[in-house]
Amino acid sequence: MILAAGRGERLRPVTLSTPKALVRVKGKPLIEYQLEKLASSGFRHVVINISYLADNIVDYLGDGRHYGVDISYSREPDGPYGTGGGIVNALEFLQGDRFLVVNTDVYSDIDFGTIRIDRPFSAKLILVDNPAHNERGDFSVANGMVTVPGAPASTFTFSGVGCYRRRLFEGRSPGFTKLTEILQEGIGKGMIAAEVHSGFWMDIGTTERLGLANSLPD
């Protein structure tokens, strides 16, 4: 699943007429990087949640055939449901017990094809070293698990890439929910695993970082 429903407020004025998913880095829309990497990793069915300027995304990507995948669109007509609510709303389209979720604005060399969840975990989050814009990090990690806040452990930033089991989202009411709120329940039970990625990663969440990404050497 690719999360692509957000308004991209911090990327304005670029996103006033262009959904964040179609903002270009080095001439290519962000979401194309994700689709191409998913296809090359062996994924064949991709769910994309859409809300803001939704039809622009559908018109551009079509059914996914051009990228070697089959795309299903999970619409959020009342406005974005958030990172957690978007996944809950898309469960009907997601196949199997486990699925990968990727933020549309991730620009990285993370290998989607190698991410696995070991039993009995409900999720595995791909974490990265804290960038300058998030020095305090998002999660603590100890012994390969995401731990409760305040635990004595190293702190990392969530990359926006994770693998999840359906049970983490099933039975939840539809509507706006942050993914972090859902994850906190699993963290308290020791059910959320962590994997630290040491390669290249950027979150293209602001116009400043968009400019930086476009200035990087090929």
N, C-alpha and C. Protein backbone atom coordinates (compact mmCIF):
# COMPACT_ATOMS: atom_id res chain seq x y z
N MET A 1 0.84 -1.19 0.00
CA MET A 1 0.00 0.00 0.00
C MET A 1 0.88 1.24 0.00
N ILE A 2 0.49 2.24 -0.79
CA ILE A 2 1.17 3.53 -0.79
C ILE A 2 0.21 4.57 -0.22
N LEU A 3 0.65 5.28 0.81
CA LEU A 3 -0.17 6.33 1.42
C LEU A 3 -0.03 7.61 0.61
N ALA A 4 -1.12 8.04 -0.02
CA ALA A 4 -1.04 9.17 -0.94
C ALA A 4 -2.23 10.11 -0.82
N ALA A 5 -2.90 10.11 0.35
CA ALA A 5 -4.12 10.89 0.49
C ALA A 5 -3.89 12.29 1.06
N GLY A 6 -2.70 12.53 1.62
CA GLY A 6 -2.46 13.79 2.32
C GLY A 6 -2.45 15.02 1.43
N ARG A 7 -2.61 16.17 2.05
CA ARG A 7 -2.66 17.45 1.33
C ARG A 7 -1.28 18.02 1.05
N GLY A 8 -0.25 17.55 1.73
CA GLY A 8 1.09 18.09 1.51
C GLY A 8 1.18 19.55 1.87
N GLU A 9 0.64 19.92 3.03
CA GLU A 9 0.59 21.32 3.44
C GLU A 9 1.97 21.99 3.45
N ARG A 10 2.99 21.26 3.90
CA ARG A 10 4.32 21.86 4.04
C ARG A 10 5.04 21.98 2.69
N LEU A 11 4.43 21.42 1.65
CA LEU A 11 5.00 21.54 0.30
C LEU A 11 4.32 22.63 -0.52
N ARG A 12 3.45 23.39 0.10
CA ARG A 12 2.85 24.51 -0.62
C ARG A 12 3.90 25.56 -0.94
N PRO A 13 3.81 26.25 -2.08
CA PRO A 13 2.69 26.29 -3.01
C PRO A 13 2.69 25.18 -4.07
N VAL A 14 3.70 24.29 -4.03
CA VAL A 14 3.78 23.23 -5.05
C VAL A 14 2.51 22.38 -5.08
N THR A 15 1.97 22.08 -3.89
CA THR A 15 0.83 21.18 -3.79
C THR A 15 -0.52 21.88 -3.89
N LEU A 16 -0.54 23.15 -4.19
CA LEU A 16 -1.83 23.83 -4.38
C LEU A 16 -2.59 23.25 -5.58
N SER A 17 -1.86 22.84 -6.58
CA SER A 17 -2.49 22.28 -7.78
C SER A 17 -2.00 20.88 -8.11
N THR A 18 -1.03 20.38 -7.34
CA THR A 18 -0.46 19.06 -7.59
C THR A 18 -0.49 18.24 -6.31
N PRO A 19 -1.08 17.04 -6.33
CA PRO A 19 -1.03 16.21 -5.12
C PRO A 19 0.40 15.81 -4.81
N LYS A 20 0.71 15.63 -3.53
CA LYS A 20 2.08 15.32 -3.13
C LYS A 20 2.64 14.11 -3.88
N ALA A 21 1.78 13.14 -4.14
CA ALA A 21 2.23 11.93 -4.84
C ALA A 21 2.82 12.23 -6.21
N LEU A 22 2.39 13.32 -6.82
CA LEU A 22 2.84 13.64 -8.18
C LEU A 22 3.89 14.75 -8.21
N VAL A 23 4.33 15.20 -7.03
CA VAL A 23 5.44 16.16 -6.98
C VAL A 23 6.69 15.45 -7.50
N ARG A 24 7.45 16.15 -8.32
CA ARG A 24 8.57 15.51 -9.02
C ARG A 24 9.92 15.73 -8.33
N VAL A 25 10.69 14.67 -8.30
CA VAL A 25 12.09 14.71 -7.91
C VAL A 25 12.90 14.21 -9.09
N LYS A 26 13.76 15.06 -9.60
CA LYS A 26 14.57 14.75 -10.78
C LYS A 26 13.69 14.34 -11.97
N GLY A 27 12.58 15.07 -12.12
CA GLY A 27 11.70 14.88 -13.26
C GLY A 27 10.70 13.75 -13.15
N LYS A 28 10.70 13.02 -12.03
CA LYS A 28 9.80 11.88 -11.88
C LYS A 28 8.92 12.06 -10.64
N PRO A 29 7.61 11.83 -10.74
CA PRO A 29 6.74 11.93 -9.57
C PRO A 29 7.18 10.97 -8.46
N LEU A 30 7.06 11.43 -7.22
CA LEU A 30 7.48 10.61 -6.08
C LEU A 30 6.85 9.23 -6.09
N ILE A 31 5.58 9.16 -6.42
CA ILE A 31 4.89 7.87 -6.35
C ILE A 31 5.40 6.89 -7.40
N GLU A 32 5.96 7.39 -8.49
CA GLU A 32 6.52 6.50 -9.50
C GLU A 32 7.73 5.76 -8.96
N TYR A 33 8.53 6.43 -8.14
CA TYR A 33 9.67 5.75 -7.52
C TYR A 33 9.19 4.56 -6.69
N GLN A 34 8.11 4.76 -5.94
CA GLN A 34 7.59 3.68 -5.11
C GLN A 34 7.05 2.54 -5.97
N LEU A 35 6.27 2.87 -6.99
CA LEU A 35 5.69 1.82 -7.84
C LEU A 35 6.76 1.01 -8.56
N GLU A 36 7.77 1.68 -9.06
CA GLU A 36 8.83 0.97 -9.76
C GLU A 36 9.61 0.06 -8.82
N LYS A 37 9.87 0.53 -7.60
CA LYS A 37 10.59 -0.29 -6.63
C LYS A 37 9.74 -1.47 -6.19
N LEU A 38 8.45 -1.25 -5.99
CA LEU A 38 7.57 -2.35 -5.60
C LEU A 38 7.51 -3.41 -6.69
N ALA A 39 7.37 -2.98 -7.94
CA ALA A 39 7.30 -3.93 -9.05
C ALA A 39 8.60 -4.72 -9.17
N SER A 40 9.75 -4.04 -9.05
CA SER A 40 11.02 -4.74 -9.17
C SER A 40 11.29 -5.67 -8.00
N SER A 41 10.59 -5.45 -6.87
CA SER A 41 10.72 -6.32 -5.70
C SER A 41 9.76 -7.49 -5.72
N GLY A 42 8.93 -7.57 -6.76
CA GLY A 42 8.03 -8.70 -6.91
C GLY A 42 6.60 -8.46 -6.51
N PHE A 43 6.26 -7.25 -6.06
CA PHE A 43 4.88 -6.94 -5.71
C PHE A 43 4.07 -6.77 -7.00
N ARG A 44 2.85 -7.30 -7.00
CA ARG A 44 2.01 -7.21 -8.19
C ARG A 44 0.69 -6.48 -7.93
N HIS A 45 0.26 -6.41 -6.69
CA HIS A 45 -0.98 -5.71 -6.35
C HIS A 45 -0.66 -4.57 -5.40
N VAL A 46 -1.01 -3.35 -5.78
CA VAL A 46 -0.72 -2.17 -4.98
C VAL A 46 -2.01 -1.40 -4.70
N VAL A 47 -2.24 -1.08 -3.45
CA VAL A 47 -3.38 -0.27 -3.03
C VAL A 47 -2.87 1.15 -2.77
N ILE A 48 -3.56 2.14 -3.30
CA ILE A 48 -3.19 3.54 -3.06
C ILE A 48 -4.39 4.26 -2.48
N ASN A 49 -4.22 4.86 -1.29
CA ASN A 49 -5.34 5.64 -0.75
C ASN A 49 -5.25 7.07 -1.29
N ILE A 50 -6.37 7.62 -1.63
CA ILE A 50 -6.41 8.94 -2.28
C ILE A 50 -7.55 9.77 -1.69
N SER A 51 -7.32 11.09 -1.64
CA SER A 51 -8.34 12.01 -1.17
C SER A 51 -8.15 13.36 -1.84
N TYR A 52 -7.10 14.10 -1.43
CA TYR A 52 -6.82 15.42 -1.99
C TYR A 52 -6.38 15.30 -3.44
N LEU A 53 -7.09 16.02 -4.35
CA LEU A 53 -6.80 15.96 -5.79
C LEU A 53 -6.69 14.52 -6.26
N ALA A 54 -7.63 13.70 -5.78
CA ALA A 54 -7.59 12.26 -6.02
C ALA A 54 -7.60 11.91 -7.50
N ASP A 55 -8.45 12.58 -8.28
CA ASP A 55 -8.58 12.22 -9.68
C ASP A 55 -7.30 12.50 -10.47
N ASN A 56 -6.50 13.46 -10.02
CA ASN A 56 -5.22 13.72 -10.68
C ASN A 56 -4.32 12.49 -10.61
N ILE A 57 -4.33 11.84 -9.45
CA ILE A 57 -3.50 10.64 -9.27
C ILE A 57 -4.02 9.49 -10.11
N VAL A 58 -5.34 9.28 -10.10
CA VAL A 58 -5.93 8.19 -10.88
C VAL A 58 -5.68 8.41 -12.37
N ASP A 59 -5.88 9.63 -12.83
CA ASP A 59 -5.68 9.92 -14.25
C ASP A 59 -4.23 9.69 -14.67
N TYR A 60 -3.30 9.99 -13.79
CA TYR A 60 -1.88 9.85 -14.14
C TYR A 60 -1.42 8.40 -14.11
N LEU A 61 -1.82 7.65 -13.08
CA LEU A 61 -1.32 6.29 -12.90
C LEU A 61 -2.15 5.23 -13.60
N GLY A 62 -3.44 5.50 -13.75
CA GLY A 62 -4.31 4.50 -14.37
C GLY A 62 -4.40 3.23 -13.55
N ASP A 63 -4.47 2.09 -14.24
CA ASP A 63 -4.64 0.81 -13.54
C ASP A 63 -3.32 0.19 -13.10
N GLY A 64 -2.21 0.87 -13.37
CA GLY A 64 -0.91 0.38 -12.94
C GLY A 64 -0.19 -0.51 -13.93
N ARG A 65 -0.86 -0.84 -15.02
CA ARG A 65 -0.30 -1.78 -15.98
C ARG A 65 1.05 -1.29 -16.52
N HIS A 66 1.15 0.01 -16.69
CA HIS A 66 2.39 0.58 -17.22
C HIS A 66 3.59 0.32 -16.31
N TYR A 67 3.31 0.14 -15.01
CA TYR A 67 4.38 -0.08 -14.03
C TYR A 67 4.57 -1.56 -13.69
N GLY A 68 3.76 -2.41 -14.29
CA GLY A 68 3.86 -3.84 -14.01
C GLY A 68 3.13 -4.28 -12.77
N VAL A 69 2.17 -3.48 -12.31
CA VAL A 69 1.38 -3.82 -11.13
C VAL A 69 -0.10 -3.58 -11.41
N ASP A 70 -0.95 -4.10 -10.54
CA ASP A 70 -2.39 -3.84 -10.60
C ASP A 70 -2.73 -2.92 -9.44
N ILE A 71 -3.26 -1.74 -9.73
CA ILE A 71 -3.56 -0.75 -8.70
C ILE A 71 -5.04 -0.76 -8.32
N SER A 72 -5.30 -0.79 -7.01
CA SER A 72 -6.64 -0.55 -6.47
C SER A 72 -6.60 0.77 -5.72
N TYR A 73 -7.63 1.59 -5.89
CA TYR A 73 -7.67 2.89 -5.23
C TYR A 73 -8.66 2.86 -4.07
N SER A 74 -8.18 3.26 -2.90
CA SER A 74 -9.03 3.36 -1.71
C SER A 74 -9.32 4.84 -1.49
N ARG A 75 -10.54 5.24 -1.81
CA ARG A 75 -10.90 6.66 -1.74
C ARG A 75 -11.33 7.08 -0.33
N GLU A 76 -10.94 8.29 0.02
CA GLU A 76 -11.32 8.90 1.29
C GLU A 76 -12.02 10.22 0.96
N PRO A 77 -13.30 10.15 0.59
CA PRO A 77 -14.00 11.32 0.03
C PRO A 77 -14.26 12.45 1.01
N ASP A 78 -14.24 12.16 2.30
CA ASP A 78 -14.53 13.19 3.30
C ASP A 78 -13.29 13.90 3.80
N GLY A 79 -12.16 13.67 3.13
CA GLY A 79 -10.89 14.23 3.58
C GLY A 79 -9.99 13.12 4.07
N PRO A 80 -8.68 13.34 4.09
CA PRO A 80 -7.75 12.29 4.49
C PRO A 80 -8.08 11.71 5.86
N TYR A 81 -7.99 10.38 5.98
CA TYR A 81 -8.30 9.69 7.23
C TYR A 81 -7.08 9.52 8.13
N GLY A 82 -5.95 10.08 7.71
CA GLY A 82 -4.73 9.91 8.50
C GLY A 82 -4.02 8.62 8.12
N THR A 83 -2.79 8.47 8.60
CA THR A 83 -1.98 7.31 8.22
C THR A 83 -2.55 6.00 8.74
N GLY A 84 -3.16 6.04 9.91
CA GLY A 84 -3.77 4.83 10.45
C GLY A 84 -5.14 4.57 9.88
N GLY A 85 -5.98 5.61 9.86
CA GLY A 85 -7.33 5.45 9.33
C GLY A 85 -7.33 5.09 7.86
N GLY A 86 -6.33 5.57 7.13
CA GLY A 86 -6.24 5.23 5.72
C GLY A 86 -6.02 3.75 5.50
N ILE A 87 -5.20 3.13 6.36
CA ILE A 87 -4.97 1.69 6.26
C ILE A 87 -6.22 0.91 6.65
N VAL A 88 -6.88 1.33 7.73
CA VAL A 88 -8.13 0.67 8.15
C VAL A 88 -9.14 0.70 7.02
N ASN A 89 -9.28 1.85 6.38
CA ASN A 89 -10.25 2.02 5.31
C ASN A 89 -9.92 1.17 4.09
N ALA A 90 -8.64 0.83 3.92
CA ALA A 90 -8.20 0.09 2.73
C ALA A 90 -8.12 -1.42 2.94
N LEU A 91 -8.47 -1.92 4.12
CA LEU A 91 -8.30 -3.34 4.40
C LEU A 91 -9.02 -4.23 3.40
N GLU A 92 -10.16 -3.78 2.89
CA GLU A 92 -10.92 -4.61 1.95
C GLU A 92 -10.15 -4.87 0.66
N PHE A 93 -9.20 -3.99 0.33
CA PHE A 93 -8.41 -4.14 -0.89
C PHE A 93 -7.11 -4.90 -0.66
N LEU A 94 -6.65 -4.96 0.57
CA LEU A 94 -5.36 -5.56 0.88
C LEU A 94 -5.49 -7.08 0.98
N GLN A 95 -4.62 -7.79 0.30
CA GLN A 95 -4.70 -9.23 0.19
C GLN A 95 -3.75 -9.90 1.17
N GLY A 96 -4.20 -11.00 1.76
CA GLY A 96 -3.33 -11.78 2.63
C GLY A 96 -3.24 -11.24 4.04
N ASP A 97 -2.44 -11.92 4.85
CA ASP A 97 -2.31 -11.57 6.26
C ASP A 97 -1.31 -10.44 6.47
N ARG A 98 -0.29 -10.34 5.61
CA ARG A 98 0.77 -9.35 5.78
C ARG A 98 0.84 -8.44 4.56
N PHE A 99 1.17 -7.19 4.80
CA PHE A 99 1.29 -6.24 3.69
C PHE A 99 2.28 -5.15 4.04
N LEU A 100 2.90 -4.59 3.01
CA LEU A 100 3.85 -3.51 3.15
C LEU A 100 3.13 -2.18 2.95
N VAL A 101 3.49 -1.18 3.73
CA VAL A 101 2.93 0.17 3.58
C VAL A 101 4.08 1.15 3.44
N VAL A 102 3.98 2.04 2.43
CA VAL A 102 5.04 2.99 2.13
C VAL A 102 4.45 4.39 2.02
N ASN A 103 5.05 5.36 2.67
CA ASN A 103 4.65 6.75 2.46
C ASN A 103 5.04 7.19 1.05
N THR A 104 4.20 7.96 0.42
CA THR A 104 4.49 8.38 -0.95
C THR A 104 5.70 9.29 -1.04
N ASP A 105 6.04 10.00 0.04
CA ASP A 105 7.12 10.98 -0.01
C ASP A 105 8.46 10.46 0.49
N VAL A 106 8.60 9.12 0.54
CA VAL A 106 9.88 8.52 0.91
C VAL A 106 10.78 8.46 -0.32
N TYR A 107 12.00 8.93 -0.16
CA TYR A 107 13.00 8.91 -1.25
C TYR A 107 14.22 8.21 -0.67
N SER A 108 14.45 6.95 -1.06
CA SER A 108 15.44 6.15 -0.36
C SER A 108 15.93 4.98 -1.22
N ASP A 109 16.90 4.25 -0.66
CA ASP A 109 17.33 3.00 -1.30
C ASP A 109 16.91 1.79 -0.47
N ILE A 110 15.86 1.94 0.33
CA ILE A 110 15.33 0.81 1.10
C ILE A 110 14.86 -0.28 0.14
N ASP A 111 15.25 -1.51 0.41
CA ASP A 111 14.86 -2.66 -0.41
C ASP A 111 13.53 -3.21 0.09
N PHE A 112 12.45 -2.91 -0.61
CA PHE A 112 11.13 -3.35 -0.17
C PHE A 112 10.99 -4.87 -0.17
N GLY A 113 11.73 -5.54 -1.02
CA GLY A 113 11.56 -6.99 -1.18
C GLY A 113 12.13 -7.83 -0.06
N THR A 114 12.91 -7.24 0.84
CA THR A 114 13.55 -8.02 1.90
C THR A 114 12.88 -7.85 3.26
N ILE A 115 11.82 -7.06 3.33
CA ILE A 115 11.19 -6.77 4.63
C ILE A 115 10.22 -7.88 5.01
N ARG A 116 10.42 -8.47 6.16
CA ARG A 116 9.59 -9.57 6.65
C ARG A 116 9.20 -9.34 8.11
N ILE A 117 8.06 -9.92 8.51
CA ILE A 117 7.68 -9.91 9.93
C ILE A 117 7.87 -11.31 10.49
N ASP A 118 8.64 -11.42 11.54
CA ASP A 118 8.78 -12.70 12.23
C ASP A 118 7.64 -12.87 13.24
N ARG A 119 7.24 -14.09 13.46
CA ARG A 119 6.25 -14.33 14.51
C ARG A 119 6.90 -14.08 15.86
N PRO A 120 6.16 -13.56 16.86
CA PRO A 120 4.72 -13.30 16.87
C PRO A 120 4.40 -11.81 16.62
N PHE A 121 5.30 -11.07 16.00
CA PHE A 121 5.13 -9.63 15.87
C PHE A 121 3.95 -9.27 14.97
N SER A 122 3.34 -8.11 15.26
CA SER A 122 2.23 -7.59 14.45
C SER A 122 2.71 -6.59 13.41
N ALA A 123 3.95 -6.11 13.55
CA ALA A 123 4.48 -5.13 12.60
C ALA A 123 5.99 -5.10 12.69
N LYS A 124 6.62 -4.68 11.60
CA LYS A 124 8.04 -4.34 11.61
C LYS A 124 8.19 -2.97 10.98
N LEU A 125 8.78 -2.05 11.73
CA LEU A 125 9.00 -0.70 11.24
C LEU A 125 10.45 -0.55 10.78
N ILE A 126 10.63 0.07 9.62
CA ILE A 126 11.97 0.37 9.14
C ILE A 126 12.33 1.76 9.67
N LEU A 127 13.40 1.81 10.45
CA LEU A 127 13.83 3.04 11.10
C LEU A 127 15.16 3.50 10.53
N VAL A 128 15.42 4.80 10.67
CA VAL A 128 16.67 5.39 10.18
C VAL A 128 17.25 6.29 11.26
N ASP A 129 18.54 6.63 11.09
CA ASP A 129 19.15 7.59 12.01
C ASP A 129 18.41 8.92 11.95
N ASN A 130 18.36 9.61 13.05
CA ASN A 130 17.59 10.85 13.13
C ASN A 130 18.18 11.94 12.24
N PRO A 131 17.38 12.48 11.31
CA PRO A 131 17.86 13.59 10.47
C PRO A 131 17.81 14.90 11.26
N ALA A 132 18.36 15.94 10.68
CA ALA A 132 18.43 17.24 11.36
C ALA A 132 17.05 17.78 11.71
N HIS A 133 16.04 17.47 10.88
CA HIS A 133 14.71 18.01 11.14
C HIS A 133 13.92 17.18 12.15
N ASN A 134 14.51 16.10 12.66
CA ASN A 134 13.82 15.27 13.66
C ASN A 134 14.85 14.68 14.62
N GLU A 135 15.60 15.56 15.26
CA GLU A 135 16.75 15.14 16.07
C GLU A 135 16.36 14.26 17.26
N ARG A 136 15.16 14.41 17.78
CA ARG A 136 14.75 13.63 18.95
C ARG A 136 14.23 12.26 18.57
N GLY A 137 13.98 12.04 17.27
CA GLY A 137 13.52 10.74 16.82
C GLY A 137 12.06 10.48 17.10
N ASP A 138 11.60 9.30 16.69
CA ASP A 138 10.20 8.91 16.86
C ASP A 138 10.02 7.75 17.83
N PHE A 139 10.96 6.80 17.79
CA PHE A 139 10.81 5.58 18.57
C PHE A 139 12.12 5.18 19.23
N SER A 140 12.00 4.55 20.38
CA SER A 140 13.14 3.91 21.02
C SER A 140 13.20 2.45 20.58
N VAL A 141 14.39 1.90 20.53
CA VAL A 141 14.58 0.52 20.09
C VAL A 141 15.50 -0.21 21.06
N ALA A 142 15.10 -1.42 21.41
CA ALA A 142 15.94 -2.26 22.25
C ALA A 142 15.69 -3.71 21.87
N ASN A 143 16.78 -4.46 21.66
CA ASN A 143 16.68 -5.88 21.34
C ASN A 143 15.78 -6.16 20.14
N GLY A 144 15.88 -5.28 19.13
CA GLY A 144 15.13 -5.50 17.91
C GLY A 144 13.66 -5.16 17.99
N MET A 145 13.24 -4.53 19.08
CA MET A 145 11.84 -4.17 19.24
C MET A 145 11.69 -2.67 19.50
N VAL A 146 10.56 -2.13 19.03
CA VAL A 146 10.20 -0.76 19.38
C VAL A 146 9.70 -0.79 20.81
N THR A 147 10.22 0.09 21.65
CA THR A 147 9.90 0.05 23.07
C THR A 147 9.09 1.27 23.49
N VAL A 148 8.54 1.19 24.68
CA VAL A 148 7.72 2.27 25.21
C VAL A 148 8.59 3.50 25.46
N PRO A 149 8.01 4.70 25.37
CA PRO A 149 8.79 5.91 25.61
C PRO A 149 9.45 5.90 26.99
N GLY A 150 10.66 6.38 27.04
CA GLY A 150 11.37 6.45 28.31
C GLY A 150 12.23 5.24 28.60
N ALA A 151 12.08 4.19 27.80
CA ALA A 151 12.91 3.02 28.03
C ALA A 151 14.36 3.34 27.66
N PRO A 152 15.32 2.76 28.37
CA PRO A 152 16.73 3.02 28.05
C PRO A 152 17.11 2.34 26.74
N ALA A 153 17.14 3.11 25.67
CA ALA A 153 17.41 2.53 24.36
C ALA A 153 17.81 3.64 23.39
N SER A 154 18.35 3.24 22.24
CA SER A 154 18.65 4.21 21.19
C SER A 154 17.36 4.69 20.55
N THR A 155 17.39 5.91 20.02
CA THR A 155 16.21 6.50 19.40
C THR A 155 16.45 6.69 17.91
N PHE A 156 15.41 6.38 17.11
CA PHE A 156 15.51 6.47 15.67
C PHE A 156 14.25 7.13 15.10
N THR A 157 14.31 7.46 13.81
CA THR A 157 13.19 8.07 13.10
C THR A 157 12.50 7.02 12.24
N PHE A 158 11.18 7.04 12.23
CA PHE A 158 10.41 6.13 11.38
C PHE A 158 10.58 6.56 9.93
N SER A 159 10.93 5.62 9.08
CA SER A 159 11.21 5.92 7.67
C SER A 159 9.97 6.13 6.83
N GLY A 160 8.80 5.73 7.35
CA GLY A 160 7.59 5.75 6.54
C GLY A 160 7.38 4.46 5.79
N VAL A 161 8.19 3.45 6.09
CA VAL A 161 8.07 2.12 5.47
C VAL A 161 7.89 1.09 6.58
N GLY A 162 6.89 0.26 6.46
CA GLY A 162 6.65 -0.77 7.46
C GLY A 162 5.87 -1.93 6.90
N CYS A 163 6.01 -3.08 7.55
CA CYS A 163 5.25 -4.27 7.17
C CYS A 163 4.33 -4.62 8.34
N TYR A 164 3.07 -4.95 8.03
CA TYR A 164 2.05 -5.10 9.06
C TYR A 164 1.22 -6.36 8.85
N ARG A 165 0.65 -6.85 9.96
CA ARG A 165 -0.36 -7.91 9.90
C ARG A 165 -1.74 -7.28 10.02
N ARG A 166 -2.71 -7.91 9.39
CA ARG A 166 -4.08 -7.38 9.37
C ARG A 166 -4.63 -7.17 10.77
N ARG A 167 -4.26 -8.06 11.68
CA ARG A 167 -4.85 -8.01 13.03
C ARG A 167 -4.61 -6.69 13.74
N LEU A 168 -3.58 -5.97 13.33
CA LEU A 168 -3.28 -4.68 13.96
C LEU A 168 -4.35 -3.64 13.66
N PHE A 169 -5.08 -3.84 12.55
CA PHE A 169 -6.05 -2.84 12.09
C PHE A 169 -7.49 -3.33 12.09
N GLU A 170 -7.70 -4.64 12.13
CA GLU A 170 -9.05 -5.18 12.04
C GLU A 170 -9.89 -4.80 13.26
N GLY A 171 -11.18 -4.58 13.02
CA GLY A 171 -12.11 -4.27 14.09
C GLY A 171 -12.11 -2.83 14.54
N ARG A 172 -11.33 -1.99 13.90
CA ARG A 172 -11.28 -0.58 14.28
C ARG A 172 -12.32 0.22 13.51
N SER A 173 -12.84 1.25 14.14
CA SER A 173 -13.86 2.08 13.50
C SER A 173 -13.22 2.94 12.41
N PRO A 174 -13.91 3.12 11.30
CA PRO A 174 -13.38 3.97 10.24
C PRO A 174 -13.33 5.43 10.67
N GLY A 175 -12.49 6.20 10.02
CA GLY A 175 -12.35 7.61 10.34
C GLY A 175 -10.90 7.97 10.57
N PHE A 176 -10.66 9.22 10.94
CA PHE A 176 -9.30 9.72 11.09
C PHE A 176 -8.59 9.08 12.29
N THR A 177 -7.43 8.48 12.02
CA THR A 177 -6.59 7.91 13.06
C THR A 177 -5.14 7.99 12.63
N LYS A 178 -4.27 8.38 13.55
CA LYS A 178 -2.85 8.37 13.26
C LYS A 178 -2.29 6.96 13.45
N LEU A 179 -1.36 6.58 12.59
CA LEU A 179 -0.75 5.25 12.70
C LEU A 179 -0.04 5.10 14.05
N THR A 180 0.58 6.17 14.55
CA THR A 180 1.29 6.09 15.82
C THR A 180 0.35 5.69 16.97
N GLU A 181 -0.91 6.12 16.90
CA GLU A 181 -1.87 5.77 17.94
C GLU A 181 -2.14 4.26 17.94
N ILE A 182 -2.23 3.68 16.74
CA ILE A 182 -2.45 2.24 16.63
C ILE A 182 -1.21 1.47 17.07
N LEU A 183 -0.05 1.98 16.69
CA LEU A 183 1.20 1.29 17.03
C LEU A 183 1.46 1.28 18.53
N GLN A 184 1.04 2.34 19.23
CA GLN A 184 1.32 2.41 20.67
C GLN A 184 0.74 1.21 21.42
N GLU A 185 -0.41 0.71 20.98
CA GLU A 185 -1.00 -0.46 21.63
C GLU A 185 -0.10 -1.67 21.48
N GLY A 186 0.40 -1.87 20.25
CA GLY A 186 1.28 -3.00 20.01
C GLY A 186 2.64 -2.85 20.69
N ILE A 187 3.13 -1.62 20.78
CA ILE A 187 4.42 -1.38 21.43
C ILE A 187 4.34 -1.77 22.90
N GLY A 188 3.24 -1.41 23.54
CA GLY A 188 3.07 -1.74 24.95
C GLY A 188 3.03 -3.23 25.22
N LYS A 189 2.66 -4.01 24.20
CA LYS A 189 2.60 -5.47 24.32
C LYS A 189 3.84 -6.16 23.77
N GLY A 190 4.82 -5.37 23.32
CA GLY A 190 6.04 -5.95 22.77
C GLY A 190 5.82 -6.63 21.44
N MET A 191 4.89 -6.10 20.62
CA MET A 191 4.50 -6.74 19.37
C MET A 191 5.01 -6.03 18.12
N ILE A 192 5.80 -4.97 18.29
CA ILE A 192 6.26 -4.19 17.14
C ILE A 192 7.78 -4.32 17.02
N ALA A 193 8.22 -4.95 15.94
CA ALA A 193 9.65 -5.15 15.69
C ALA A 193 10.24 -3.95 14.96
N ALA A 194 11.56 -3.85 14.99
CA ALA A 194 12.25 -2.74 14.34
C ALA A 194 13.42 -3.26 13.52
N GLU A 195 13.66 -2.60 12.40
CA GLU A 195 14.84 -2.86 11.59
C GLU A 195 15.43 -1.51 11.21
N VAL A 196 16.72 -1.32 11.47
CA VAL A 196 17.36 -0.04 11.20
C VAL A 196 18.03 -0.08 9.83
N HIS A 197 17.64 0.88 8.99
CA HIS A 197 18.22 1.00 7.65
C HIS A 197 19.36 2.00 7.71
N SER A 198 20.54 1.60 7.25
CA SER A 198 21.72 2.46 7.34
C SER A 198 22.07 3.13 6.02
N GLY A 199 21.26 2.91 4.98
CA GLY A 199 21.55 3.50 3.68
C GLY A 199 20.95 4.88 3.50
N PHE A 200 20.68 5.22 2.24
CA PHE A 200 20.16 6.55 1.91
C PHE A 200 18.66 6.63 2.19
N TRP A 201 18.24 7.77 2.76
CA TRP A 201 16.82 8.00 3.03
C TRP A 201 16.57 9.49 3.18
N MET A 202 15.48 9.95 2.57
CA MET A 202 15.01 11.32 2.75
C MET A 202 13.50 11.32 2.83
N ASP A 203 12.97 12.20 3.64
CA ASP A 203 11.54 12.46 3.70
C ASP A 203 11.30 13.77 2.94
N ILE A 204 10.64 13.68 1.77
CA ILE A 204 10.41 14.89 0.96
C ILE A 204 9.13 15.56 1.46
N GLY A 205 9.20 16.12 2.67
CA GLY A 205 8.01 16.67 3.29
C GLY A 205 7.90 18.18 3.25
N THR A 206 8.96 18.86 2.82
CA THR A 206 8.94 20.31 2.77
C THR A 206 9.55 20.79 1.45
N THR A 207 9.30 22.05 1.11
CA THR A 207 9.87 22.59 -0.12
C THR A 207 11.40 22.63 -0.01
N GLU A 208 11.92 22.84 1.19
CA GLU A 208 13.38 22.87 1.37
C GLU A 208 13.99 21.51 1.04
N ARG A 209 13.39 20.43 1.56
CA ARG A 209 13.93 19.09 1.30
C ARG A 209 13.67 18.65 -0.13
N LEU A 210 12.59 19.14 -0.72
CA LEU A 210 12.35 18.87 -2.14
C LEU A 210 13.46 19.48 -2.99
N GLY A 211 13.83 20.72 -2.67
CA GLY A 211 14.93 21.37 -3.38
C GLY A 211 16.24 20.64 -3.19
N LEU A 212 16.48 20.16 -1.96
CA LEU A 212 17.71 19.41 -1.67
C LEU A 212 17.76 18.11 -2.47
N ALA A 213 16.64 17.40 -2.53
CA ALA A 213 16.59 16.14 -3.28
C ALA A 213 16.87 16.37 -4.76
N ASN A 214 16.34 17.45 -5.29
CA ASN A 214 16.55 17.74 -6.70
C ASN A 214 17.97 18.20 -7.01
N SER A 215 18.71 18.62 -5.98
CA SER A 215 20.08 19.07 -6.18
C SER A 215 21.10 17.97 -5.98
N LEU A 216 20.67 16.79 -5.52
CA LEU A 216 21.59 15.69 -5.29
C LEU A 216 22.13 15.16 -6.61
N PRO A 217 23.37 14.68 -6.63
CA PRO A 217 23.91 14.10 -7.86
C PRO A 217 23.18 12.81 -8.22
N ASP A 218 23.10 12.51 -9.49
CA ASP A 218 22.42 11.29 -9.95
C ASP A 218 23.21 10.06 -9.53
